[in-house]
Amino acid sequence: MPKKKPEILDEAGLHTLAREAFERSGLTQREAAERLGVTQGAVSQALRNAGGRYVALQCRIVELAGWRCEGPRWLVYR
């Protein structure tokens, strides 16, 4: 099987993908927060806001869907 090439995302793209990953995970915000070791409010903010201080958390949310996410250019392997 060929190795998948990563997608290179900007902060807006990462935000969109984090929302998709969260929906695919089937978790509530509270459950996601517990798995990620953050508050439910932080998950909520990360899902509502693109960029800024939430990009690292958005990358971790992407990983809830089983995808790999790496900064600083936000390489995503699905």
Protein backbone atom coordinates (compact mmCIF):
# COMPACT_ATOMS: atom_id res chain seq x y z
CA MET A 1 0.00 0.00 0.00
CA PRO A 2 1.49 3.38 -0.96
CA LYS A 3 2.23 5.83 1.81
CA LYS A 4 -0.32 8.63 1.94
CA LYS A 5 0.89 12.13 1.23
CA PRO A 6 0.01 14.68 3.87
CA GLU A 7 -2.36 17.56 3.31
CA ILE A 8 -0.80 20.91 4.16
CA LEU A 9 -3.37 23.10 5.87
CA ASP A 10 -3.48 26.71 6.93
CA GLU A 11 -5.16 27.63 10.23
CA ALA A 12 -8.61 27.95 8.62
CA GLY A 13 -8.24 24.53 7.00
CA LEU A 14 -7.13 23.00 10.29
CA HIS A 15 -10.18 24.49 12.01
CA THR A 16 -12.53 23.02 9.39
CA LEU A 17 -10.87 19.63 9.65
CA ALA A 18 -11.02 19.71 13.47
CA ARG A 19 -14.79 20.25 13.28
CA GLU A 20 -15.10 17.33 10.82
CA ALA A 21 -12.93 15.11 13.00
CA PHE A 22 -14.96 15.97 16.09
CA GLU A 23 -18.20 15.05 14.32
CA ARG A 24 -16.66 11.77 13.09
CA SER A 25 -15.45 10.89 16.58
CA GLY A 26 -19.02 10.64 17.88
CA LEU A 27 -17.91 12.10 21.20
CA THR A 28 -19.58 14.85 23.16
CA GLN A 29 -17.50 17.93 23.91
CA ARG A 30 -17.22 16.76 27.51
CA GLU A 31 -15.97 13.30 26.46
CA ALA A 32 -13.47 14.82 24.03
CA ALA A 33 -12.26 17.17 26.75
CA GLU A 34 -11.70 14.28 29.15
CA ARG A 35 -9.68 12.36 26.54
CA LEU A 36 -7.62 15.43 25.71
CA GLY A 37 -7.10 16.55 29.31
CA VAL A 38 -8.70 19.97 28.79
CA THR A 39 -11.98 21.61 29.77
CA GLN A 40 -15.19 21.31 27.80
CA GLY A 41 -15.02 25.08 27.33
CA ALA A 42 -11.62 24.80 25.66
CA VAL A 43 -12.97 22.20 23.22
CA SER A 44 -15.96 24.43 22.50
CA GLN A 45 -13.71 27.42 21.82
CA ALA A 46 -11.41 25.38 19.57
CA LEU A 47 -14.38 24.19 17.52
CA ARG A 48 -15.78 27.72 17.16
CA ASN A 49 -12.61 29.69 16.47
CA ALA A 50 -10.05 29.30 13.70
CA GLY A 51 -6.40 29.92 14.41
CA GLY A 52 -4.88 31.78 17.28
CA ARG A 53 -4.30 30.00 20.53
CA TYR A 54 -6.47 27.02 19.60
CA VAL A 55 -4.42 25.54 16.75
CA ALA A 56 -2.56 23.03 18.93
CA LEU A 57 -5.84 21.84 20.47
CA GLN A 58 -7.45 21.68 17.01
CA CYS A 59 -4.60 19.43 15.89
CA ARG A 60 -5.25 17.15 18.88
CA ILE A 61 -8.98 17.09 18.04
CA VAL A 62 -8.07 15.97 14.50
CA GLU A 63 -6.25 13.01 16.08
CA LEU A 64 -9.48 11.92 17.83
CA ALA A 65 -10.66 10.75 14.39
CA GLY A 66 -7.57 8.57 14.06
CA TRP A 67 -5.77 10.95 11.72
CA ARG A 68 -2.24 12.20 12.33
CA CYS A 69 -1.64 15.95 12.62
CA GLU A 70 1.74 17.68 12.89
CA GLY A 71 2.63 21.37 13.19
CA PRO A 72 3.87 23.94 12.47
CA ARG A 73 2.56 23.70 8.89
CA TRP A 74 -0.29 21.45 9.99
CA LEU A 75 0.42 18.34 8.00
CA VAL A 76 -2.53 15.99 8.21
CA TYR A 77 -2.44 12.32 7.26
CA ARG A 78 -5.91 10.80 6.79
